[in-house]
Amino acid sequence: LYDKGINVSVSIADYARWDLEPRGLDAVVRASVHYYNTHEELDRMCDALPSAVPG
């Protein structure tokens, strides 16, 4: 995603224990969408997601 100009962050269980552990997750990728993001930016992110997910 970074190579496509899309900024995301990673939350690991050490910092999001109450959320991730009950769901059995070690980490998640987080995209923080805000009111200033355009529809085009959201479409670009959604189009890029399949290539960012392994398998």
Protein backbone atom coordinates (compact mmCIF):
# COMPACT_ATOMS: atom_id res chain seq x y z
CA LEU A 1 0.00 0.00 0.00
CA TYR A 2 2.87 2.35 0.79
CA ASP A 3 4.19 1.96 -2.75
CA LYS A 4 0.79 3.12 -4.02
CA GLY A 5 0.79 6.22 -1.80
CA ILE A 6 -1.68 4.78 0.71
CA ASN A 7 -0.80 5.35 4.35
CA VAL A 8 -1.84 2.74 6.89
CA SER A 9 -0.54 1.64 10.27
CA VAL A 10 -0.21 -1.66 12.10
CA SER A 11 -1.67 -2.29 15.54
CA ILE A 12 -0.17 -5.23 17.41
CA ALA A 13 -1.73 -7.13 20.30
CA ASP A 14 0.65 -5.55 22.82
CA TYR A 15 -1.01 -2.18 22.16
CA ALA A 16 -4.57 -3.31 21.39
CA ARG A 17 -4.94 -6.27 23.72
CA TRP A 18 -8.60 -5.69 24.63
CA ASP A 19 -9.58 -5.66 20.98
CA LEU A 20 -7.28 -8.15 19.28
CA GLU A 21 -6.85 -10.98 21.79
CA PRO A 22 -10.56 -11.88 22.06
CA ARG A 23 -10.64 -12.19 18.27
CA GLY A 24 -7.47 -14.30 18.18
CA LEU A 25 -5.51 -11.72 16.19
CA ASP A 26 -1.84 -10.85 16.64
CA ALA A 27 -1.98 -7.69 14.54
CA VAL A 28 -4.20 -5.71 12.19
CA VAL A 29 -3.61 -3.13 9.48
CA ARG A 30 -5.46 0.08 10.19
CA ALA A 31 -6.60 2.69 7.69
CA SER A 32 -7.80 5.86 9.40
CA VAL A 33 -10.35 7.40 7.08
CA HIS A 34 -11.33 10.97 7.90
CA TYR A 35 -13.72 13.59 6.55
CA TYR A 36 -10.99 15.14 4.45
CA ASN A 37 -10.37 11.94 2.46
CA THR A 38 -11.98 12.08 -0.96
CA HIS A 39 -14.14 9.41 -2.55
CA GLU A 40 -11.38 8.92 -5.10
CA GLU A 41 -8.84 8.22 -2.34
CA LEU A 42 -11.18 5.70 -0.74
CA ASP A 43 -11.79 4.01 -4.09
CA ARG A 44 -8.02 3.84 -4.70
CA MET A 45 -7.48 2.24 -1.28
CA CYS A 46 -10.27 -0.30 -1.84
CA ASP A 47 -8.87 -1.18 -5.26
CA ALA A 48 -5.38 -1.68 -3.77
CA LEU A 49 -6.44 -3.91 -0.86
CA PRO A 50 -6.64 -7.24 -2.74
CA SER A 51 -3.01 -6.96 -3.85
CA ALA A 52 -1.94 -6.19 -0.27
CA VAL A 53 -3.52 -9.32 1.24
CA PRO A 54 -1.47 -12.51 0.86
CA GLY A 55 -3.10 -15.59 -0.57
